[in-house]
Amino acid sequence: MSMLTPRGLKGKQYRVTGNAYPRLGRPSRRGRKVAIGLGGVLTLTLVSVGGVQLYDVFSGKHKGATAQACSGASGTPLAAPENSAPAGAPASGAAASGAPAPVPSDTAVPQPAAVKVNVYNATDKAGLAARTADELRKRGFVVDKVGNAPAALANKVPGSAQILSGPGGLGAATLLLSQVAAATSTEDGRADATVDFVIGDTFNALADPAQAAAALAELTKPSPSPEPGHC
C-alpha cells in the first residue's frame, strides 16, 4: 500500500471527472481604456485652449484690455475713445457742472530767463537768501521776492531746498531742482508759473553749472517704453 493511497481505497480505481478546470486569461483592459479616454479628453482640451489664445493674439481682441491694465498699473487714465459720448453731450463733468477748468500743466522745461523765482530762507543762517538770489540771477533766472520763509516753513525744510510751484510751473520747478543737490519739489494750487526756492537746513551752495546740467539731463530723461504686452 502506497503511503499516498487513502485508507480504505486499497486496490480500488478512481479518477477525476468533470470538465471544469482553471483557466489563465488576460487581465481586464477596462482600466487601460479609461486611462486612454482621459488622455484624449485632456489633449483635446489643451488644443482648444491654445487655439483660442492664438486667435486672440492674432486678432488683437485683448489689446484694449492690456492697455487698460497698464493704465491701472501706472495710475494714468487712458484717453476716452473718439465719439464715445452722444452728440450734444458735454465734453466733461467739469464743463457740465459749470466748475472752472483746471489750470493747465506746463511740464516743458523753459530757459532760465523765462522763470520767475522767489527765494526764501527757512533757516537761522543769515544772508542765505540774498546770496542765493544773486547766484540765480547770474545764471539767468528772474528773481522776484527775496526774504525769510513764511512761518509755516521756518526751520521745517530738512533737506537742502524745497521747490514750490503750481501746475503751470512744473517745468520751471524741474529746472530749479537741477540747480541744487538733494532738493525736493511740491506742487501747490497757485494759478501762475512762479516758483518758490525755499532754502533748507542742509543747504550750502548751488550746484556748479556742470553738475546742474547733468542733473537736468537726468531729470528730463524719458522713461523707456514698455515692451508689447507688458506694462
C-alpha atoms as a PDB file:
ATOM      1  CA  MET A   1       0.000   0.000   0.000  1.00  0.00           C
ATOM      2  CA  SER A   2       1.388   3.304  -1.025  1.00  0.00           C
ATOM      3  CA  MET A   3       1.706   5.989   1.570  1.00  0.00           C
ATOM      4  CA  LEU A   4      -0.212   8.275  -0.792  1.00  0.00           C
ATOM      5  CA  THR A   5      -3.210   5.944  -1.096  1.00  0.00           C
ATOM      6  CA  PRO A   6      -6.031   6.984   1.205  1.00  0.00           C
ATOM      7  CA  ARG A   7      -7.051   4.411   3.800  1.00  0.00           C
ATOM      8  CA  GLY A   8      -9.950   2.246   2.650  1.00  0.00           C
ATOM      9  CA  LEU A   9      -9.190   2.602  -1.069  1.00  0.00           C
ATOM     10  CA  LYS A  10      -6.625  -0.183  -1.312  1.00  0.00           C
ATOM     11  CA  GLY A  11      -6.818  -1.806  -4.669  1.00  0.00           C
ATOM     12  CA  LYS A  12      -9.643   0.427  -5.927  1.00  0.00           C
ATOM     13  CA  GLN A  13      -9.582   2.509  -9.104  1.00  0.00           C
ATOM     14  CA  TYR A  14     -10.604   6.167  -9.017  1.00  0.00           C
ATOM     15  CA  ARG A  15     -10.419   9.089 -11.408  1.00  0.00           C
ATOM     16  CA  VAL A  16     -11.105  12.765 -11.594  1.00  0.00           C
ATOM     17  CA  THR A  17     -14.282  13.541 -13.514  1.00  0.00           C
ATOM     18  CA  GLY A  18     -15.814  16.714 -14.813  1.00  0.00           C
ATOM     19  CA  ASN A  19     -14.796  19.226 -17.423  1.00  0.00           C
ATOM     20  CA  ALA A  20     -14.113  22.284 -15.196  1.00  0.00           C
ATOM     21  CA  TYR A  21     -10.504  23.386 -14.883  1.00  0.00           C
ATOM     22  CA  PRO A  22      -8.810  26.736 -14.042  1.00  0.00           C
ATOM     23  CA  ARG A  23      -8.124  28.997 -16.939  1.00  0.00           C
ATOM     24  CA  LEU A  24      -5.457  31.752 -17.052  1.00  0.00           C
ATOM     25  CA  GLY A  25      -6.807  34.699 -19.015  1.00  0.00           C
ATOM     26  CA  ARG A  26      -5.531  38.244 -19.751  1.00  0.00           C
ATOM     27  CA  PRO A  27      -6.231  40.845 -17.068  1.00  0.00           C
ATOM     28  CA  SER A  28      -9.171  43.173 -17.560  1.00  0.00           C
ATOM     29  CA  ARG A  29      -8.474  46.008 -20.047  1.00  0.00           C
ATOM     30  CA  ARG A  30     -11.103  48.352 -18.554  1.00  0.00           C
ATOM     31  CA  GLY A  31      -8.540  50.447 -16.594  1.00  0.00           C
ATOM     32  CA  ARG A  32      -6.394  50.862 -19.705  1.00  0.00           C
ATOM     33  CA  LYS A  33      -9.363  52.013 -21.752  1.00  0.00           C
ATOM     34  CA  VAL A  34     -10.332  54.562 -19.074  1.00  0.00           C
ATOM     35  CA  ALA A  35      -6.775  55.970 -18.983  1.00  0.00           C
ATOM     36  CA  ILE A  36      -6.705  56.266 -22.788  1.00  0.00           C
ATOM     37  CA  GLY A  37     -10.056  58.058 -22.743  1.00  0.00           C
ATOM     38  CA  LEU A  38      -8.946  60.574 -20.120  1.00  0.00           C
ATOM     39  CA  GLY A  39      -5.737  61.272 -22.030  1.00  0.00           C
ATOM     40  CA  GLY A  40      -7.720  62.005 -25.172  1.00  0.00           C
ATOM     41  CA  VAL A  41     -10.034  64.411 -23.352  1.00  0.00           C
ATOM     42  CA  LEU A  42      -7.084  66.312 -21.824  1.00  0.00           C
ATOM     43  CA  THR A  43      -5.361  66.544 -25.212  1.00  0.00           C
ATOM     44  CA  LEU A  44      -8.475  67.961 -26.873  1.00  0.00           C
ATOM     45  CA  THR A  45      -8.881  70.487 -24.036  1.00  0.00           C
ATOM     46  CA  LEU A  46      -5.292  71.756 -24.351  1.00  0.00           C
ATOM     47  CA  VAL A  47      -5.589  72.038 -28.127  1.00  0.00           C
ATOM     48  CA  SER A  48      -8.843  74.027 -27.790  1.00  0.00           C
ATOM     49  CA  VAL A  49      -7.417  76.476 -25.205  1.00  0.00           C
ATOM     50  CA  GLY A  50      -4.260  77.017 -27.254  1.00  0.00           C
ATOM     51  CA  GLY A  51      -6.295  77.712 -30.359  1.00  0.00           C
ATOM     52  CA  VAL A  52      -8.420  80.325 -28.568  1.00  0.00           C
ATOM     53  CA  GLN A  53      -5.306  82.090 -27.226  1.00  0.00           C
ATOM     54  CA  LEU A  54      -3.655  82.147 -30.649  1.00  0.00           C
ATOM     55  CA  TYR A  55      -6.833  83.579 -32.139  1.00  0.00           C
ATOM     56  CA  ASP A  56      -6.888  86.342 -29.517  1.00  0.00           C
ATOM     57  CA  VAL A  57      -3.216  87.179 -30.149  1.00  0.00           C
ATOM     58  CA  PHE A  58      -3.538  87.442 -33.914  1.00  0.00           C
ATOM     59  CA  SER A  59      -6.946  89.117 -33.886  1.00  0.00           C
ATOM     60  CA  GLY A  60      -5.913  91.722 -31.260  1.00  0.00           C
ATOM     61  CA  LYS A  61      -9.018  91.008 -29.224  1.00  0.00           C
ATOM     62  CA  HIS A  62      -7.345  91.727 -25.879  1.00  0.00           C
ATOM     63  CA  LYS A  63      -5.197  94.711 -26.863  1.00  0.00           C
ATOM     64  CA  GLY A  64      -7.677  97.088 -25.239  1.00  0.00           C
ATOM     65  CA  ALA A  65      -7.732  95.042 -22.040  1.00  0.00           C
ATOM     66  CA  THR A  66      -3.923  95.030 -21.899  1.00  0.00           C
ATOM     67  CA  ALA A  67      -3.830  98.790 -22.355  1.00  0.00           C
ATOM     68  CA  GLN A  68      -6.388  99.291 -19.595  1.00  0.00           C
ATOM     69  CA  ALA A  69      -4.370  97.022 -17.267  1.00  0.00           C
ATOM     70  CA  CYS A  70      -1.204  99.023 -17.973  1.00  0.00           C
ATOM     71  CA  SER A  71      -3.138 102.218 -17.331  1.00  0.00           C
ATOM     72  CA  GLY A  72      -4.278 100.942 -13.948  1.00  0.00           C
ATOM     73  CA  ALA A  73      -0.715  99.928 -13.038  1.00  0.00           C
ATOM     74  CA  SER A  74       0.747 103.313 -13.915  1.00  0.00           C
ATOM     75  CA  GLY A  75      -2.100 105.333 -12.390  1.00  0.00           C
ATOM     76  CA  THR A  76      -2.546 107.354 -15.612  1.00  0.00           C
ATOM     77  CA  PRO A  77      -6.026 107.161 -17.148  1.00  0.00           C
ATOM     78  CA  LEU A  78      -6.261 106.435 -20.839  1.00  0.00           C
ATOM     79  CA  ALA A  79      -7.897 108.919 -23.161  1.00  0.00           C
ATOM     80  CA  ALA A  80     -11.532 108.218 -23.907  1.00  0.00           C
ATOM     81  CA  PRO A  81     -12.171 106.826 -27.393  1.00  0.00           C
ATOM     82  CA  GLU A  82     -13.366 109.259 -30.009  1.00  0.00           C
ATOM     83  CA  ASN A  83     -17.086 109.711 -30.465  1.00  0.00           C
ATOM     84  CA  SER A  84     -17.739 107.832 -27.221  1.00  0.00           C
ATOM     85  CA  ALA A  85     -20.195 110.455 -25.970  1.00  0.00           C
ATOM     86  CA  PRO A  86     -23.560 111.077 -27.627  1.00  0.00           C
ATOM     87  CA  ALA A  87     -23.910 114.080 -29.877  1.00  0.00           C
ATOM     88  CA  GLY A  88     -24.611 117.244 -27.931  1.00  0.00           C
ATOM     89  CA  ALA A  89     -23.341 115.821 -24.626  1.00  0.00           C
ATOM     90  CA  PRO A  90     -20.854 117.931 -22.608  1.00  0.00           C
ATOM     91  CA  ALA A  91     -17.187 117.030 -23.042  1.00  0.00           C
ATOM     92  CA  SER A  92     -16.500 116.550 -19.319  1.00  0.00           C
ATOM     93  CA  GLY A  93     -18.130 116.518 -15.920  1.00  0.00           C
ATOM     94  CA  ALA A  94     -16.472 119.834 -15.007  1.00  0.00           C
ATOM     95  CA  ALA A  95     -17.998 121.530 -18.012  1.00  0.00           C
ATOM     96  CA  ALA A  96     -21.409 120.068 -17.251  1.00  0.00           C
ATOM     97  CA  SER A  97     -21.337 121.257 -13.645  1.00  0.00           C
ATOM     98  CA  GLY A  98     -20.053 124.719 -14.536  1.00  0.00           C
ATOM     99  CA  ALA A  99     -16.857 124.243 -12.443  1.00  0.00           C
ATOM    100  CA  PRO A 100     -13.840 126.242 -13.609  1.00  0.00           C
ATOM    101  CA  ALA A 101     -11.409 124.431 -15.870  1.00  0.00           C
ATOM    102  CA  PRO A 102      -8.218 123.214 -14.139  1.00  0.00           C
ATOM    103  CA  VAL A 103      -5.053 125.223 -14.515  1.00  0.00           C
ATOM    104  CA  PRO A 104      -3.132 123.825 -17.495  1.00  0.00           C
ATOM    105  CA  SER A 105       0.013 121.950 -16.569  1.00  0.00           C
ATOM    106  CA  ASP A 106       3.256 123.023 -18.244  1.00  0.00           C
ATOM    107  CA  THR A 107       5.974 120.401 -17.846  1.00  0.00           C
ATOM    108  CA  ALA A 108       8.199 121.715 -20.633  1.00  0.00           C
ATOM    109  CA  VAL A 109      11.487 122.939 -19.162  1.00  0.00           C
ATOM    110  CA  PRO A 110      11.929 126.637 -20.047  1.00  0.00           C
ATOM    111  CA  GLN A 111      15.057 128.730 -20.306  1.00  0.00           C
ATOM    112  CA  PRO A 112      16.179 130.436 -17.057  1.00  0.00           C
ATOM    113  CA  ALA A 113      15.154 133.859 -18.433  1.00  0.00           C
ATOM    114  CA  ALA A 114      11.533 132.657 -18.562  1.00  0.00           C
ATOM    115  CA  VAL A 115      11.490 131.548 -14.914  1.00  0.00           C
ATOM    116  CA  LYS A 116      10.372 133.947 -12.176  1.00  0.00           C
ATOM    117  CA  VAL A 117      11.587 132.669  -8.820  1.00  0.00           C
ATOM    118  CA  ASN A 118      11.086 133.798  -5.226  1.00  0.00           C
ATOM    119  CA  VAL A 119      13.962 132.957  -2.877  1.00  0.00           C
ATOM    120  CA  TYR A 120      13.150 132.355   0.796  1.00  0.00           C
ATOM    121  CA  ASN A 121      15.418 131.392   3.690  1.00  0.00           C
ATOM    122  CA  ALA A 122      13.830 128.828   6.058  1.00  0.00           C
ATOM    123  CA  THR A 123      16.954 128.511   8.263  1.00  0.00           C
ATOM    124  CA  ASP A 124      18.529 130.577  11.041  1.00  0.00           C
ATOM    125  CA  LYS A 125      21.598 131.338   8.878  1.00  0.00           C
ATOM    126  CA  ALA A 126      21.513 134.996   7.878  1.00  0.00           C
ATOM    127  CA  GLY A 127      22.166 136.114   4.299  1.00  0.00           C
ATOM    128  CA  LEU A 128      21.495 132.801   2.522  1.00  0.00           C
ATOM    129  CA  ALA A 129      18.505 134.111   0.573  1.00  0.00           C
ATOM    130  CA  ALA A 130      20.353 137.179  -0.732  1.00  0.00           C
ATOM    131  CA  ARG A 131      23.469 135.223  -1.787  1.00  0.00           C
ATOM    132  CA  THR A 132      21.411 132.516  -3.472  1.00  0.00           C
ATOM    133  CA  ALA A 133      19.284 135.096  -5.291  1.00  0.00           C
ATOM    134  CA  ASP A 134      22.435 136.773  -6.656  1.00  0.00           C
ATOM    135  CA  GLU A 135      23.757 133.440  -7.923  1.00  0.00           C
ATOM    136  CA  LEU A 136      20.442 132.611  -9.602  1.00  0.00           C
ATOM    137  CA  ARG A 137      20.470 135.994 -11.355  1.00  0.00           C
ATOM    138  CA  LYS A 138      23.963 135.232 -12.697  1.00  0.00           C
ATOM    139  CA  ARG A 139      22.571 132.034 -14.181  1.00  0.00           C
ATOM    140  CA  GLY A 140      19.827 133.936 -15.987  1.00  0.00           C
ATOM    141  CA  PHE A 141      16.854 133.446 -13.681  1.00  0.00           C
ATOM    142  CA  VAL A 142      14.428 136.290 -12.977  1.00  0.00           C
ATOM    143  CA  VAL A 143      14.380 136.761  -9.196  1.00  0.00           C
ATOM    144  CA  ASP A 144      11.287 138.435  -7.776  1.00  0.00           C
ATOM    145  CA  LYS A 145      10.982 138.232  -3.979  1.00  0.00           C
ATOM    146  CA  VAL A 146      13.842 137.607  -1.536  1.00  0.00           C
ATOM    147  CA  GLY A 147      13.463 137.167   2.215  1.00  0.00           C
ATOM    148  CA  ASN A 148      12.684 134.869   5.085  1.00  0.00           C
ATOM    149  CA  ALA A 149      10.358 131.923   4.536  1.00  0.00           C
ATOM    150  CA  PRO A 150       6.771 132.063   5.819  1.00  0.00           C
ATOM    151  CA  ALA A 151       6.286 130.892   9.399  1.00  0.00           C
ATOM    152  CA  ALA A 152       4.751 127.640   8.175  1.00  0.00           C
ATOM    153  CA  LEU A 153       8.110 126.697   6.592  1.00  0.00           C
ATOM    154  CA  ALA A 154      10.567 128.238   9.050  1.00  0.00           C
ATOM    155  CA  ASN A 155      13.040 125.569  10.215  1.00  0.00           C
ATOM    156  CA  LYS A 156      10.820 122.901   8.625  1.00  0.00           C
ATOM    157  CA  VAL A 157      12.737 122.155   5.429  1.00  0.00           C
ATOM    158  CA  PRO A 158      15.100 119.319   6.426  1.00  0.00           C
ATOM    159  CA  GLY A 159      16.810 118.963   3.033  1.00  0.00           C
ATOM    160  CA  SER A 160      18.872 121.407   1.023  1.00  0.00           C
ATOM    161  CA  ALA A 161      15.859 123.145  -0.551  1.00  0.00           C
ATOM    162  CA  GLN A 162      12.188 122.794  -1.314  1.00  0.00           C
ATOM    163  CA  ILE A 163      10.858 123.929  -4.693  1.00  0.00           C
ATOM    164  CA  LEU A 164       7.210 125.028  -4.694  1.00  0.00           C
ATOM    165  CA  SER A 165       5.176 125.582  -7.853  1.00  0.00           C
ATOM    166  CA  GLY A 166       1.698 125.332  -9.281  1.00  0.00           C
ATOM    167  CA  PRO A 167       0.599 123.190 -12.239  1.00  0.00           C
ATOM    168  CA  GLY A 168       1.702 125.910 -14.652  1.00  0.00           C
ATOM    169  CA  GLY A 169       5.251 125.974 -13.303  1.00  0.00           C
ATOM    170  CA  LEU A 170       6.223 122.308 -13.223  1.00  0.00           C
ATOM    171  CA  GLY A 171       8.813 122.731 -15.956  1.00  0.00           C
ATOM    172  CA  ALA A 172      10.346 125.729 -14.170  1.00  0.00           C
ATOM    173  CA  ALA A 173      10.408 123.726 -10.938  1.00  0.00           C
ATOM    174  CA  THR A 174      12.315 120.945 -12.706  1.00  0.00           C
ATOM    175  CA  LEU A 175      14.901 123.458 -13.897  1.00  0.00           C
ATOM    176  CA  LEU A 176      15.371 124.812 -10.369  1.00  0.00           C
ATOM    177  CA  LEU A 177      15.604 121.289  -8.941  1.00  0.00           C
ATOM    178  CA  SER A 178      18.647 120.712 -11.103  1.00  0.00           C
ATOM    179  CA  GLN A 179      20.409 123.734  -9.569  1.00  0.00           C
ATOM    180  CA  VAL A 180      20.782 122.251  -6.091  1.00  0.00           C
ATOM    181  CA  ALA A 181      21.533 118.728  -4.875  1.00  0.00           C
ATOM    182  CA  ALA A 182      19.136 116.799  -2.629  1.00  0.00           C
ATOM    183  CA  ALA A 183      16.223 119.208  -3.172  1.00  0.00           C
ATOM    184  CA  THR A 184      12.562 118.216  -3.176  1.00  0.00           C
ATOM    185  CA  SER A 185       9.614 119.646  -5.071  1.00  0.00           C
ATOM    186  CA  THR A 186       5.993 120.214  -4.050  1.00  0.00           C
ATOM    187  CA  GLU A 187       3.024 121.275  -6.153  1.00  0.00           C
ATOM    188  CA  ASP A 188       0.567 123.766  -4.689  1.00  0.00           C
ATOM    189  CA  GLY A 189      -2.540 125.470  -6.005  1.00  0.00           C
ATOM    190  CA  ARG A 190      -1.113 128.733  -7.338  1.00  0.00           C
ATOM    191  CA  ALA A 191      -2.504 129.819 -10.682  1.00  0.00           C
ATOM    192  CA  ASP A 192       0.645 131.404 -12.144  1.00  0.00           C
ATOM    193  CA  ALA A 193       4.003 129.951 -13.218  1.00  0.00           C
ATOM    194  CA  THR A 194       6.126 131.471 -10.439  1.00  0.00           C
ATOM    195  CA  VAL A 195       8.356 129.165  -8.403  1.00  0.00           C
ATOM    196  CA  ASP A 196       9.478 129.437  -4.760  1.00  0.00           C
ATOM    197  CA  PHE A 197      13.027 128.396  -3.884  1.00  0.00           C
ATOM    198  CA  VAL A 198      12.933 127.707  -0.119  1.00  0.00           C
ATOM    199  CA  ILE A 199      16.389 127.150   1.406  1.00  0.00           C
ATOM    200  CA  GLY A 200      16.560 124.224   3.841  1.00  0.00           C
ATOM    201  CA  ASP A 201      18.743 123.214   6.777  1.00  0.00           C
ATOM    202  CA  THR A 202      21.459 121.375   4.802  1.00  0.00           C
ATOM    203  CA  PHE A 203      21.886 123.968   2.050  1.00  0.00           C
ATOM    204  CA  ASN A 204      25.435 125.168   1.404  1.00  0.00           C
ATOM    205  CA  ALA A 205      25.514 126.455  -2.173  1.00  0.00           C
ATOM    206  CA  LEU A 206      24.073 125.874  -5.609  1.00  0.00           C
ATOM    207  CA  ALA A 207      25.488 123.078  -7.724  1.00  0.00           C
ATOM    208  CA  ASP A 208      28.141 124.146 -10.196  1.00  0.00           C
ATOM    209  CA  PRO A 209      26.914 124.611 -13.796  1.00  0.00           C
ATOM    210  CA  ALA A 210      28.298 121.258 -14.990  1.00  0.00           C
ATOM    211  CA  GLN A 211      26.597 119.374 -12.169  1.00  0.00           C
ATOM    212  CA  ALA A 212      23.361 121.286 -12.784  1.00  0.00           C
ATOM    213  CA  ALA A 213      23.425 120.379 -16.488  1.00  0.00           C
ATOM    214  CA  ALA A 214      23.977 116.694 -15.676  1.00  0.00           C
ATOM    215  CA  ALA A 215      21.165 116.753 -13.111  1.00  0.00           C
ATOM    216  CA  LEU A 216      18.788 118.384 -15.604  1.00  0.00           C
ATOM    217  CA  ALA A 217      19.585 115.728 -18.211  1.00  0.00           C
ATOM    218  CA  GLU A 218      18.789 113.027 -15.670  1.00  0.00           C
ATOM    219  CA  LEU A 219      15.551 114.694 -14.572  1.00  0.00           C
ATOM    220  CA  THR A 220      14.285 115.075 -18.144  1.00  0.00           C
ATOM    221  CA  LYS A 221      15.412 111.667 -19.414  1.00  0.00           C
ATOM    222  CA  PRO A 222      12.388 109.924 -20.962  1.00  0.00           C
ATOM    223  CA  SER A 223      11.194 106.706 -19.402  1.00  0.00           C
ATOM    224  CA  PRO A 224      11.774 103.578 -21.513  1.00  0.00           C
ATOM    225  CA  SER A 225       8.727 102.411 -23.471  1.00  0.00           C
ATOM    226  CA  PRO A 226       7.239  99.134 -22.242  1.00  0.00           C
ATOM    227  CA  GLU A 227       7.521  96.084 -24.477  1.00  0.00           C
ATOM    228  CA  PRO A 228       4.342  94.997 -26.285  1.00  0.00           C
ATOM    229  CA  GLY A 229       2.126  93.111 -23.881  1.00  0.00           C
ATOM    230  CA  HIS A 230       3.981  94.441 -20.817  1.00  0.00           C
ATOM    231  CA  CYS A 231       3.240  97.384 -18.530  1.00  0.00           C
END
